[in-house]
């Protein structure tokens, strides 16, 4: 029995809510493009899941940080369900992200994960205090993989999916529409770097949990210091007390190259990561 752990960072910056006048005309909408590939039979049976991590700078407003952390955990759970449902390869998960303040009728080009050859766009049709309606189009090599009208509840998320043939990638576009008054969360631009994981210790599968047939995913939130060390870890969503403890013990020993602000100086961040314990 063993666990396999994967983590990918997405950087987030915290911004103030839009001004009242602007909020009536435009809407903060976040997009996450995640690409998956079919797993070999042995990998699918192992139920190992890769879940994107998030990096949240600690110099923003407390309520914005809390909202960003909650949303990152929710996205992790959504992606975990997609990978388990479609039995996708846990070791291959290219992804990209974008947040924009959209006015009705505006078309936004979405960034594609490197090496996939996707072209994606989203157009905000209408929105009110309850929901937003968008048109999401995804193409690959001139072929339309998805051309979908999607309605997203404010403060919630929806997923647009597409597939380019049996062997080609599955494409998921996760759309998140900010709730009324919700602090906007924008991805960091190139002037700020996310922390880079340089030492990762896989957690030990607790013997009692293995013997009892216990498995599951543990979502952690770790504070990474100015020197790249993990200063604190908390369980954002647990699976089993024994698995939670093993996950925390492992992540405490991870080391990073620290995140850096626009001035080049190290900055403290929160990093969320999901560790899945799967019986093999």
Protein backbone atom coordinates (compact mmCIF):
# COMPACT_ATOMS: atom_id res chain seq x y z
CA UNK A 1 0.00 0.00 0.00
CA UNK A 2 1.27 3.45 -0.78
CA UNK A 3 0.25 6.99 -1.64
CA UNK A 4 1.15 9.10 -4.61
CA UNK A 5 1.19 12.86 -4.20
CA UNK A 6 1.09 15.51 -6.86
CA UNK A 7 0.79 19.27 -6.50
CA UNK A 8 0.67 22.12 -8.96
CA UNK A 9 0.63 25.77 -7.93
CA UNK A 10 -1.58 28.51 -9.29
CA UNK A 11 -0.77 31.99 -8.04
CA UNK A 12 -3.47 34.29 -6.74
CA UNK A 13 -3.44 37.97 -5.88
CA UNK A 14 -6.10 39.68 -3.81
CA UNK A 15 -7.78 42.85 -5.03
CA UNK A 16 -10.41 45.13 -3.60
CA UNK A 17 -14.05 44.68 -4.65
CA UNK A 18 -14.99 46.76 -7.70
CA UNK A 19 -16.53 50.16 -7.06
CA UNK A 20 -20.31 50.22 -6.83
CA UNK A 21 -20.70 52.02 -10.15
CA UNK A 22 -18.42 49.53 -11.89
CA UNK A 23 -20.08 46.49 -10.30
CA UNK A 24 -23.38 47.40 -11.96
CA UNK A 25 -21.73 47.32 -15.37
CA UNK A 26 -19.20 44.52 -15.07
CA UNK A 27 -18.65 41.22 -13.28
CA UNK A 28 -15.49 39.49 -11.98
CA UNK A 29 -15.41 36.06 -13.64
CA UNK A 30 -12.69 33.47 -13.07
CA UNK A 31 -11.76 30.76 -15.56
CA UNK A 32 -9.71 27.64 -14.94
CA UNK A 33 -8.81 25.46 -17.93
CA UNK A 34 -7.77 21.95 -16.87
CA UNK A 35 -6.74 19.26 -19.38
CA UNK A 36 -6.76 15.52 -18.71
CA UNK A 37 -5.70 12.37 -20.54
CA UNK A 38 -6.96 8.78 -20.23
CA UNK A 39 -5.12 6.79 -17.59
CA UNK A 40 -3.72 3.31 -17.99
CA UNK A 41 -5.89 0.66 -16.36
CA UNK A 42 -3.54 0.21 -13.43
CA UNK A 43 -3.44 3.95 -12.76
CA UNK A 44 -7.20 4.28 -12.90
CA UNK A 45 -7.64 1.44 -10.43
CA UNK A 46 -5.32 3.17 -7.98
CA UNK A 47 -7.74 6.13 -7.63
CA UNK A 48 -4.88 8.58 -7.33
CA UNK A 49 -5.95 12.15 -8.00
CA UNK A 50 -3.95 15.26 -8.85
CA UNK A 51 -5.56 18.42 -7.51
CA UNK A 52 -4.39 21.92 -8.39
CA UNK A 53 -2.89 23.91 -5.54
CA UNK A 54 -3.35 27.61 -4.94
CA UNK A 55 -1.02 30.28 -3.63
CA UNK A 56 -2.65 33.12 -1.71
CA UNK A 57 -0.49 36.11 -0.68
CA UNK A 58 -0.99 37.07 2.95
CA UNK A 59 -0.83 40.84 2.47
CA UNK A 60 -4.44 41.21 1.28
CA UNK A 61 -7.61 41.87 3.30
CA UNK A 62 -8.54 39.08 5.70
CA UNK A 63 -12.00 38.57 4.21
CA UNK A 64 -10.55 38.33 0.70
CA UNK A 65 -7.97 35.77 1.85
CA UNK A 66 -10.67 33.68 3.51
CA UNK A 67 -12.82 33.79 0.37
CA UNK A 68 -9.87 32.80 -1.83
CA UNK A 69 -8.96 29.90 0.44
CA UNK A 70 -12.55 28.64 0.49
CA UNK A 71 -12.81 28.85 -3.28
CA UNK A 72 -9.50 27.06 -3.81
CA UNK A 73 -10.69 24.17 -1.64
CA UNK A 74 -13.97 24.04 -3.54
CA UNK A 75 -12.19 23.94 -6.88
CA UNK A 76 -9.91 21.17 -5.61
CA UNK A 77 -12.95 19.07 -4.74
CA UNK A 78 -14.56 19.74 -8.13
CA UNK A 79 -11.42 18.73 -10.04
CA UNK A 80 -11.02 15.63 -7.89
CA UNK A 81 -14.53 14.51 -8.83
CA UNK A 82 -13.86 15.09 -12.54
CA UNK A 83 -10.64 13.04 -12.49
CA UNK A 84 -12.29 10.20 -10.58
CA UNK A 85 -15.38 10.20 -12.82
CA UNK A 86 -13.46 10.11 -16.11
CA UNK A 87 -10.55 7.98 -14.79
CA UNK A 88 -7.92 10.39 -16.05
CA UNK A 89 -4.16 10.16 -15.66
CA UNK A 90 -3.25 11.72 -12.28
CA UNK A 91 0.29 12.54 -13.42
CA UNK A 92 -0.82 14.72 -16.37
CA UNK A 93 -2.84 17.80 -15.62
CA UNK A 94 -1.87 20.90 -17.64
CA UNK A 95 -3.83 23.93 -16.56
CA UNK A 96 -4.11 27.68 -16.96
CA UNK A 97 -6.22 30.38 -15.36
CA UNK A 98 -7.58 33.86 -15.90
CA UNK A 99 -9.77 36.34 -14.06
CA UNK A 100 -11.31 39.35 -15.76
CA UNK A 101 -13.83 42.07 -15.06
CA UNK A 102 -16.34 41.48 -17.86
CA UNK A 103 -19.07 43.71 -19.22
CA UNK A 104 -22.07 42.20 -20.98
CA UNK A 105 -21.19 41.41 -24.58
CA UNK A 106 -17.44 41.36 -24.01
CA UNK A 107 -15.50 38.43 -25.50
CA UNK A 108 -12.44 37.25 -23.60
CA UNK A 109 -9.65 35.09 -25.00
CA UNK A 110 -8.65 32.48 -22.41
CA UNK A 111 -5.05 31.30 -21.94
CA UNK A 112 -4.31 27.76 -23.05
CA UNK A 113 -2.10 25.33 -21.12
CA UNK A 114 1.27 25.05 -22.85
CA UNK A 115 1.71 22.36 -25.46
CA UNK A 116 -1.98 21.48 -25.90
CA UNK A 117 -2.88 23.72 -28.84
CA UNK A 118 -6.22 24.89 -27.52
CA UNK A 119 -8.03 28.08 -28.42
CA UNK A 120 -10.69 29.11 -25.93
CA UNK A 121 -12.89 32.15 -25.45
CA UNK A 122 -15.79 33.25 -23.26
CA UNK A 123 -18.41 35.93 -23.82
CA UNK A 124 -20.53 37.31 -21.00
CA UNK A 125 -24.09 37.52 -22.31
CA UNK A 126 -26.04 38.83 -19.32
CA UNK A 127 -25.86 38.90 -15.53
CA UNK A 128 -27.88 40.03 -12.54
CA UNK A 129 -27.58 39.63 -8.76
CA UNK A 130 -28.47 35.93 -8.98
CA UNK A 131 -26.62 34.48 -11.97
CA UNK A 132 -24.54 35.08 -15.08
CA UNK A 133 -24.89 33.61 -18.57
CA UNK A 134 -21.84 33.06 -20.76
CA UNK A 135 -20.96 31.46 -24.07
CA UNK A 136 -17.80 29.31 -23.86
CA UNK A 137 -16.07 28.08 -27.03
CA UNK A 138 -13.08 25.70 -27.12
CA UNK A 139 -11.26 24.70 -30.33
CA UNK A 140 -8.28 22.49 -31.10
CA UNK A 141 -6.65 22.38 -34.54
CA UNK A 142 -9.71 24.09 -36.01
CA UNK A 143 -12.13 21.57 -34.51
CA UNK A 144 -14.81 22.78 -32.11
CA UNK A 145 -14.66 20.78 -28.87
CA UNK A 146 -17.25 22.84 -27.03
CA UNK A 147 -19.62 25.66 -27.94
CA UNK A 148 -21.83 25.95 -24.91
CA UNK A 149 -24.11 28.48 -23.27
CA UNK A 150 -23.64 28.14 -19.52
CA UNK A 151 -25.52 29.73 -16.62
CA UNK A 152 -23.51 30.23 -13.44
CA UNK A 153 -24.98 31.09 -10.07
CA UNK A 154 -23.30 34.15 -8.54
CA UNK A 155 -20.76 32.89 -6.02
CA UNK A 156 -20.80 29.44 -7.62
CA UNK A 157 -19.15 27.58 -10.48
CA UNK A 158 -20.03 25.61 -13.58
CA UNK A 159 -17.98 23.29 -15.77
CA UNK A 160 -17.91 23.21 -19.58
CA UNK A 161 -16.36 20.03 -20.95
CA UNK A 162 -15.06 18.92 -24.32
CA UNK A 163 -13.17 15.96 -25.77
CA UNK A 164 -11.12 15.68 -28.98
CA UNK A 165 -11.45 12.01 -29.87
CA UNK A 166 -10.91 8.92 -27.74
CA UNK A 167 -7.15 9.34 -27.27
CA UNK A 168 -7.00 13.14 -27.30
CA UNK A 169 -7.32 15.32 -24.22
CA UNK A 170 -10.40 15.97 -22.15
CA UNK A 171 -10.82 19.72 -21.65
CA UNK A 172 -12.67 21.25 -18.71
CA UNK A 173 -13.35 24.99 -18.41
CA UNK A 174 -14.37 25.86 -14.85
CA UNK A 175 -16.27 29.16 -14.72
CA UNK A 176 -16.71 31.06 -11.45
CA UNK A 177 -18.88 34.18 -11.17
CA UNK A 178 -18.27 36.43 -8.17
CA UNK A 179 -21.14 36.92 -5.75
CA UNK A 180 -22.46 40.42 -5.14
CA UNK A 181 -19.90 42.20 -2.95
CA UNK A 182 -17.46 39.28 -3.06
CA UNK A 183 -13.79 40.37 -3.13
CA UNK A 184 -12.25 39.76 -6.54
CA UNK A 185 -9.45 37.21 -6.76
CA UNK A 186 -7.03 37.79 -9.61
CA UNK A 187 -4.17 35.57 -10.73
CA UNK A 188 -0.75 37.04 -10.23
CA UNK A 189 0.92 38.44 -13.29
CA UNK A 190 4.53 37.84 -14.30
CA UNK A 191 5.77 40.46 -11.85
CA UNK A 192 5.12 38.09 -8.93
CA UNK A 193 6.38 34.53 -8.76
CA UNK A 194 4.71 31.62 -7.03
CA UNK A 195 6.75 29.45 -4.64
CA UNK A 196 8.55 26.52 -6.25
CA UNK A 197 8.46 23.14 -4.55
CA UNK A 198 12.03 21.85 -4.24
CA UNK A 199 11.63 19.06 -1.66
CA UNK A 200 8.53 16.90 -1.29
CA UNK A 201 8.09 14.03 1.13
CA UNK A 202 5.27 11.60 0.40
CA UNK A 203 3.13 10.83 3.45
CA UNK A 204 3.29 7.43 5.11
CA UNK A 205 0.05 5.47 4.84
CA UNK A 206 -0.91 4.72 8.47
CA UNK A 207 -0.93 0.98 9.12
CA UNK A 208 -4.23 1.05 11.01
CA UNK A 209 -5.89 2.95 8.18
CA UNK A 210 -4.57 0.51 5.57
CA UNK A 211 -5.72 -2.50 7.54
CA UNK A 212 -9.15 -0.92 7.95
CA UNK A 213 -9.38 -0.18 4.22
CA UNK A 214 -9.58 3.57 4.81
CA UNK A 215 -8.73 5.87 1.89
CA UNK A 216 -9.57 9.41 0.81
CA UNK A 217 -8.32 12.89 -0.02
CA UNK A 218 -7.03 15.43 2.49
CA UNK A 219 -7.01 19.14 1.59
CA UNK A 220 -4.37 21.13 3.48
CA UNK A 221 -3.57 24.81 3.72
CA UNK A 222 0.10 25.52 4.45
CA UNK A 223 1.73 28.86 5.26
CA UNK A 224 5.06 29.19 3.46
CA UNK A 225 7.56 31.60 5.00
CA UNK A 226 10.08 34.01 3.62
CA UNK A 227 12.74 31.27 3.61
CA UNK A 228 10.53 28.74 1.81
CA UNK A 229 9.89 26.65 4.91
CA UNK A 230 6.39 25.56 5.91
CA UNK A 231 5.56 27.59 9.00
CA UNK A 232 2.10 26.21 9.71
CA UNK A 233 -0.35 23.65 8.31
CA UNK A 234 -4.08 23.24 8.87
CA UNK A 235 -6.59 20.75 7.52
CA UNK A 236 -9.05 22.55 5.26
CA UNK A 237 -11.00 19.34 4.55
CA UNK A 238 -10.16 16.05 6.22
CA UNK A 239 -10.76 12.43 5.24
CA UNK A 240 -9.91 10.45 8.38
CA UNK A 241 -8.02 11.59 11.47
CA UNK A 242 -5.18 9.13 10.77
CA UNK A 243 -4.83 10.23 7.15
CA UNK A 244 -5.09 13.89 8.13
CA UNK A 245 -2.26 13.51 10.63
CA UNK A 246 -0.02 11.71 8.12
CA UNK A 247 -0.66 14.37 5.47
CA UNK A 248 0.14 17.23 7.84
CA UNK A 249 3.33 15.52 9.05
CA UNK A 250 4.56 15.12 5.47
CA UNK A 251 3.77 18.65 4.25
CA UNK A 252 5.46 20.18 7.30
CA UNK A 253 8.72 18.84 5.83
CA UNK A 254 8.23 20.25 2.33
CA UNK A 255 10.57 23.01 1.20
CA UNK A 256 10.02 25.73 -1.40
CA UNK A 257 11.83 28.49 -3.15
CA UNK A 258 9.84 31.37 -1.61
CA UNK A 259 7.24 33.37 -3.47
CA UNK A 260 8.49 36.80 -4.50
CA UNK A 261 6.64 40.08 -4.89
CA UNK A 262 7.02 42.61 -7.67
CA UNK A 263 10.02 44.12 -5.88
CA UNK A 264 11.81 40.75 -5.95
CA UNK A 265 11.60 40.24 -2.20
CA UNK A 266 10.30 37.01 -0.63
CA UNK A 267 6.70 37.11 0.60
CA UNK A 268 4.64 34.82 2.83
CA UNK A 269 1.84 32.89 1.15
CA UNK A 270 -0.78 30.26 1.83
CA UNK A 271 -0.54 27.15 -0.33
CA UNK A 272 -3.41 24.69 -0.64
CA UNK A 273 -2.76 21.14 -1.77
CA UNK A 274 -4.73 17.90 -1.83
CA UNK A 275 -3.07 14.59 -0.92
CA UNK A 276 -5.00 11.47 -1.92
CA UNK A 277 -4.46 8.22 -0.06
CA UNK A 278 -5.38 5.29 -2.32
CA UNK A 279 -5.13 1.57 -1.57
CA UNK A 280 -3.19 -0.40 -4.18
